[in-house]
């Protein structure tokens, strides 16, 4: 799952003089710092600051929305069916969603 919007990273790089941004798997962004001849990873500290400032990206918002909807449907179905299984399945999906939202 992508935890950062590419526009956020490009905006930070333009403000700080970094160029030629590219992303590797697992949300590792690389770019050329000012005056450098080799790309370096954008520091995790900077990525965390960007994340704290900007919040959830679109993909994360979708996962959160679906998890909340699945919980509501699970609770409703459990009440109507008088069975705990829909809530158990909603809990399992919620656990998967939280695991995907974890950045590390």
N, C-alpha and C. Protein backbone atom coordinates (compact mmCIF):
# COMPACT_ATOMS: atom_id res chain seq x y z
N UNK A 1 0.84 -1.17 0.00
CA UNK A 1 0.00 0.00 0.00
C UNK A 1 0.89 1.24 0.00
N UNK A 2 0.47 2.20 -0.77
CA UNK A 2 1.20 3.46 -0.80
C UNK A 2 0.70 4.34 0.35
N UNK A 3 1.62 4.82 1.13
CA UNK A 3 1.27 5.65 2.28
C UNK A 3 1.45 7.14 2.00
N UNK A 4 2.06 7.46 0.87
CA UNK A 4 2.32 8.85 0.54
C UNK A 4 1.80 9.14 -0.86
N UNK A 5 1.28 10.31 -1.04
CA UNK A 5 0.89 10.77 -2.36
C UNK A 5 2.14 11.30 -3.05
N UNK A 6 2.33 10.95 -4.30
CA UNK A 6 3.53 11.39 -5.03
C UNK A 6 3.62 12.92 -5.09
N UNK A 7 2.47 13.57 -5.16
CA UNK A 7 2.48 15.04 -5.20
C UNK A 7 3.07 15.63 -3.92
N UNK A 8 2.80 14.99 -2.78
CA UNK A 8 3.35 15.47 -1.50
C UNK A 8 4.87 15.41 -1.54
N UNK A 9 5.40 14.29 -2.02
CA UNK A 9 6.85 14.09 -2.07
C UNK A 9 7.48 15.07 -3.06
N UNK A 10 6.86 15.20 -4.24
CA UNK A 10 7.38 16.13 -5.25
C UNK A 10 7.35 17.57 -4.74
N UNK A 11 6.31 17.94 -4.03
CA UNK A 11 6.22 19.30 -3.46
C UNK A 11 7.35 19.56 -2.48
N UNK A 12 7.61 18.58 -1.59
CA UNK A 12 8.70 18.75 -0.62
C UNK A 12 10.04 18.85 -1.34
N UNK A 13 10.24 18.00 -2.35
CA UNK A 13 11.51 18.01 -3.07
C UNK A 13 11.73 19.34 -3.79
N UNK A 14 10.70 19.89 -4.39
CA UNK A 14 10.85 21.18 -5.07
C UNK A 14 11.17 22.29 -4.08
N UNK A 15 10.54 22.25 -2.91
CA UNK A 15 10.80 23.28 -1.90
C UNK A 15 12.21 23.21 -1.34
N UNK A 16 12.79 22.00 -1.32
CA UNK A 16 14.10 21.80 -0.70
C UNK A 16 15.22 21.53 -1.68
N UNK A 17 14.96 21.66 -2.98
CA UNK A 17 16.02 21.54 -3.98
C UNK A 17 16.39 20.12 -4.37
N UNK A 18 15.62 19.13 -3.99
CA UNK A 18 15.89 17.75 -4.40
C UNK A 18 15.29 17.55 -5.78
N UNK A 19 15.94 16.71 -6.61
CA UNK A 19 15.47 16.53 -7.99
C UNK A 19 15.34 15.05 -8.33
N UNK A 20 14.65 14.76 -9.44
CA UNK A 20 14.51 13.42 -10.01
C UNK A 20 14.04 12.39 -8.99
N UNK A 21 12.89 12.61 -8.42
CA UNK A 21 12.34 11.70 -7.41
C UNK A 21 11.87 10.41 -8.07
N UNK A 22 12.16 9.27 -7.44
CA UNK A 22 11.58 8.01 -7.88
C UNK A 22 11.30 7.14 -6.65
N UNK A 23 10.37 6.21 -6.80
CA UNK A 23 9.95 5.38 -5.67
C UNK A 23 10.32 3.93 -5.92
N UNK A 24 10.86 3.30 -4.90
CA UNK A 24 11.10 1.87 -4.92
C UNK A 24 9.95 1.19 -4.18
N UNK A 25 9.84 -0.12 -4.30
CA UNK A 25 8.80 -0.80 -3.53
C UNK A 25 8.95 -0.53 -2.03
N UNK A 26 7.90 -0.69 -1.32
CA UNK A 26 7.85 -0.50 0.14
C UNK A 26 8.00 0.97 0.54
N UNK A 27 7.50 1.87 -0.30
CA UNK A 27 7.46 3.29 0.04
C UNK A 27 8.82 3.90 0.35
N UNK A 28 9.84 3.53 -0.39
CA UNK A 28 11.15 4.15 -0.23
C UNK A 28 11.34 5.12 -1.40
N UNK A 29 11.42 6.38 -1.07
CA UNK A 29 11.58 7.42 -2.09
C UNK A 29 13.04 7.84 -2.16
N UNK A 30 13.54 7.99 -3.37
CA UNK A 30 14.91 8.40 -3.61
C UNK A 30 14.90 9.65 -4.48
N UNK A 31 15.89 10.50 -4.28
CA UNK A 31 16.03 11.71 -5.10
C UNK A 31 17.46 12.21 -4.97
N UNK A 32 17.81 13.15 -5.84
CA UNK A 32 19.13 13.77 -5.80
C UNK A 32 19.07 14.99 -4.89
N UNK A 33 19.82 14.99 -3.79
CA UNK A 33 19.85 16.19 -2.94
C UNK A 33 20.54 17.34 -3.68
N UNK A 34 20.43 18.55 -3.19
CA UNK A 34 21.08 19.69 -3.84
C UNK A 34 22.59 19.47 -3.97
N UNK A 35 23.09 19.57 -5.18
CA UNK A 35 24.53 19.46 -5.43
C UNK A 35 25.07 18.05 -5.41
N UNK A 36 24.24 17.04 -5.36
CA UNK A 36 24.71 15.65 -5.28
C UNK A 36 24.75 15.02 -6.67
N UNK A 37 25.61 14.00 -6.81
CA UNK A 37 25.70 13.27 -8.07
C UNK A 37 25.11 11.87 -7.96
N UNK A 38 24.72 11.48 -6.75
CA UNK A 38 24.09 10.17 -6.52
C UNK A 38 22.78 10.39 -5.77
N UNK A 39 21.76 9.61 -6.14
CA UNK A 39 20.50 9.75 -5.40
C UNK A 39 20.63 9.19 -3.99
N UNK A 40 19.88 9.76 -3.08
CA UNK A 40 19.85 9.30 -1.70
C UNK A 40 18.40 9.09 -1.30
N UNK A 41 18.16 8.20 -0.35
CA UNK A 41 16.78 8.04 0.12
C UNK A 41 16.33 9.30 0.85
N UNK A 42 15.08 9.66 0.65
CA UNK A 42 14.54 10.78 1.42
C UNK A 42 14.44 10.31 2.86
N UNK A 43 14.97 11.05 3.80
CA UNK A 43 15.02 10.59 5.20
C UNK A 43 13.63 10.27 5.75
N UNK A 44 13.57 9.20 6.56
CA UNK A 44 12.31 8.78 7.17
C UNK A 44 11.72 9.89 8.04
N UNK A 45 12.58 10.66 8.66
CA UNK A 45 12.11 11.77 9.49
C UNK A 45 11.28 12.74 8.65
N UNK A 46 11.75 13.02 7.45
CA UNK A 46 11.04 13.94 6.55
C UNK A 46 9.73 13.31 6.09
N UNK A 47 9.77 12.02 5.76
CA UNK A 47 8.54 11.35 5.33
C UNK A 47 7.49 11.34 6.44
N UNK A 48 7.93 11.14 7.67
CA UNK A 48 6.98 11.17 8.79
C UNK A 48 6.39 12.56 8.98
N UNK A 49 7.21 13.60 8.80
CA UNK A 49 6.71 14.97 8.91
C UNK A 49 5.67 15.26 7.82
N UNK A 50 5.95 14.81 6.61
CA UNK A 50 5.01 15.00 5.51
C UNK A 50 3.70 14.28 5.83
N UNK A 51 3.80 13.06 6.33
CA UNK A 51 2.61 12.27 6.66
C UNK A 51 1.80 12.94 7.77
N UNK A 52 2.48 13.45 8.78
CA UNK A 52 1.79 14.12 9.88
C UNK A 52 1.07 15.38 9.39
N UNK A 53 1.68 16.07 8.45
CA UNK A 53 1.10 17.31 7.93
C UNK A 53 -0.08 17.03 6.99
N UNK A 54 0.06 16.04 6.12
CA UNK A 54 -0.93 15.80 5.07
C UNK A 54 -2.03 14.81 5.46
N UNK A 55 -1.76 13.89 6.38
CA UNK A 55 -2.79 12.93 6.79
C UNK A 55 -2.81 11.69 5.91
N UNK A 56 -3.99 11.11 5.78
CA UNK A 56 -4.15 9.87 5.02
C UNK A 56 -4.20 10.15 3.52
N UNK A 57 -3.59 9.27 2.75
CA UNK A 57 -3.69 9.39 1.29
C UNK A 57 -5.01 8.74 0.85
N UNK A 58 -5.31 8.83 -0.43
CA UNK A 58 -6.60 8.34 -0.95
C UNK A 58 -6.78 6.85 -0.72
N UNK A 59 -5.74 6.06 -0.95
CA UNK A 59 -5.84 4.61 -0.79
C UNK A 59 -6.11 4.25 0.67
N UNK A 60 -5.46 4.95 1.58
CA UNK A 60 -5.69 4.69 3.00
C UNK A 60 -7.12 5.07 3.41
N UNK A 61 -7.63 6.17 2.86
CA UNK A 61 -9.01 6.57 3.17
C UNK A 61 -10.00 5.52 2.71
N UNK A 62 -9.74 4.90 1.55
CA UNK A 62 -10.63 3.86 1.04
C UNK A 62 -10.63 2.66 1.99
N UNK A 63 -9.45 2.23 2.43
CA UNK A 63 -9.36 1.09 3.35
C UNK A 63 -10.08 1.38 4.66
N UNK A 64 -9.92 2.58 5.20
CA UNK A 64 -10.59 2.93 6.45
C UNK A 64 -12.10 2.94 6.26
N UNK A 65 -12.56 3.52 5.17
CA UNK A 65 -14.00 3.58 4.90
C UNK A 65 -14.60 2.19 4.74
N UNK A 66 -13.92 1.32 4.01
CA UNK A 66 -14.43 -0.04 3.82
C UNK A 66 -14.43 -0.80 5.14
N UNK A 67 -13.42 -0.61 5.97
CA UNK A 67 -13.37 -1.29 7.27
C UNK A 67 -14.52 -0.83 8.17
N UNK A 68 -14.80 0.47 8.18
CA UNK A 68 -15.91 0.99 8.99
C UNK A 68 -17.24 0.46 8.45
N UNK A 69 -17.41 0.45 7.12
CA UNK A 69 -18.64 -0.07 6.54
C UNK A 69 -18.80 -1.56 6.84
N UNK A 70 -17.72 -2.33 6.74
CA UNK A 70 -17.80 -3.76 7.04
C UNK A 70 -18.18 -4.00 8.49
N UNK A 71 -17.69 -3.17 9.38
CA UNK A 71 -18.05 -3.29 10.79
C UNK A 71 -19.53 -3.00 11.00
N UNK A 72 -20.02 -1.95 10.37
CA UNK A 72 -21.45 -1.61 10.51
C UNK A 72 -22.33 -2.73 9.94
N UNK A 73 -21.96 -3.26 8.79
CA UNK A 73 -22.73 -4.36 8.20
C UNK A 73 -22.64 -5.59 9.08
N UNK A 74 -21.46 -5.88 9.61
CA UNK A 74 -21.29 -7.04 10.49
C UNK A 74 -22.13 -6.95 11.74
N UNK A 75 -22.17 -5.78 12.35
CA UNK A 75 -22.98 -5.59 13.56
C UNK A 75 -24.46 -5.77 13.23
N UNK A 76 -24.89 -5.17 12.15
CA UNK A 76 -26.30 -5.27 11.75
C UNK A 76 -26.69 -6.71 11.45
N UNK A 77 -25.87 -7.39 10.67
CA UNK A 77 -26.17 -8.79 10.35
C UNK A 77 -26.13 -9.69 11.58
N UNK A 78 -25.20 -9.42 12.48
CA UNK A 78 -25.14 -10.22 13.71
C UNK A 78 -26.42 -10.05 14.53
N UNK A 79 -26.93 -8.84 14.58
CA UNK A 79 -28.17 -8.59 15.32
C UNK A 79 -29.34 -9.29 14.63
N UNK A 80 -29.44 -9.14 13.31
CA UNK A 80 -30.57 -9.73 12.58
C UNK A 80 -30.51 -11.25 12.55
N UNK A 81 -29.33 -11.80 12.39
CA UNK A 81 -29.18 -13.26 12.31
C UNK A 81 -29.01 -13.90 13.68
N UNK A 82 -28.78 -13.11 14.69
CA UNK A 82 -28.51 -13.60 16.05
C UNK A 82 -27.36 -14.59 16.04
N UNK A 83 -26.30 -14.17 15.35
CA UNK A 83 -25.10 -15.00 15.22
C UNK A 83 -23.88 -14.09 15.33
N UNK A 84 -22.83 -14.56 15.99
CA UNK A 84 -21.63 -13.72 16.11
C UNK A 84 -20.72 -13.75 14.88
N UNK A 85 -20.98 -14.62 13.93
CA UNK A 85 -20.05 -14.79 12.80
C UNK A 85 -19.87 -13.53 11.95
N UNK A 86 -20.92 -12.77 11.63
CA UNK A 86 -20.65 -11.55 10.84
C UNK A 86 -19.72 -10.57 11.56
N UNK A 87 -19.84 -10.45 12.88
CA UNK A 87 -18.95 -9.56 13.62
C UNK A 87 -17.53 -10.11 13.61
N UNK A 88 -17.39 -11.42 13.70
CA UNK A 88 -16.07 -12.05 13.65
C UNK A 88 -15.41 -11.77 12.31
N UNK A 89 -16.18 -11.92 11.22
CA UNK A 89 -15.63 -11.64 9.90
C UNK A 89 -15.28 -10.16 9.73
N UNK A 90 -16.12 -9.28 10.26
CA UNK A 90 -15.81 -7.85 10.21
C UNK A 90 -14.56 -7.54 11.01
N UNK A 91 -14.40 -8.19 12.17
CA UNK A 91 -13.20 -8.00 12.97
C UNK A 91 -11.96 -8.47 12.21
N UNK A 92 -12.07 -9.61 11.53
CA UNK A 92 -10.93 -10.13 10.77
C UNK A 92 -10.56 -9.16 9.64
N UNK A 93 -11.56 -8.63 8.95
CA UNK A 93 -11.26 -7.66 7.89
C UNK A 93 -10.65 -6.40 8.48
N UNK A 94 -11.15 -5.95 9.62
CA UNK A 94 -10.58 -4.77 10.28
C UNK A 94 -9.12 -4.99 10.67
N UNK A 95 -8.80 -6.20 11.12
CA UNK A 95 -7.41 -6.51 11.48
C UNK A 95 -6.51 -6.46 10.25
N UNK A 96 -7.01 -6.96 9.14
CA UNK A 96 -6.22 -6.89 7.90
C UNK A 96 -6.03 -5.45 7.46
N UNK A 97 -7.08 -4.65 7.56
CA UNK A 97 -6.99 -3.24 7.17
C UNK A 97 -5.98 -2.49 8.04
N UNK A 98 -6.01 -2.74 9.34
CA UNK A 98 -5.05 -2.08 10.24
C UNK A 98 -3.63 -2.51 9.92
N UNK A 99 -3.44 -3.78 9.63
CA UNK A 99 -2.09 -4.26 9.26
C UNK A 99 -1.60 -3.58 7.99
N UNK A 100 -2.49 -3.39 7.01
CA UNK A 100 -2.08 -2.72 5.77
C UNK A 100 -1.79 -1.24 6.00
N UNK A 101 -2.45 -0.63 6.96
CA UNK A 101 -2.23 0.79 7.26
C UNK A 101 -0.94 1.03 8.01
N UNK A 102 -0.37 -0.01 8.62
CA UNK A 102 0.87 0.14 9.37
C UNK A 102 2.01 0.46 8.40
N UNK A 103 2.78 1.47 8.73
CA UNK A 103 3.83 1.92 7.81
C UNK A 103 5.14 1.17 7.98
N UNK A 104 5.29 0.40 9.00
CA UNK A 104 6.56 -0.29 9.21
C UNK A 104 6.37 -1.72 9.30
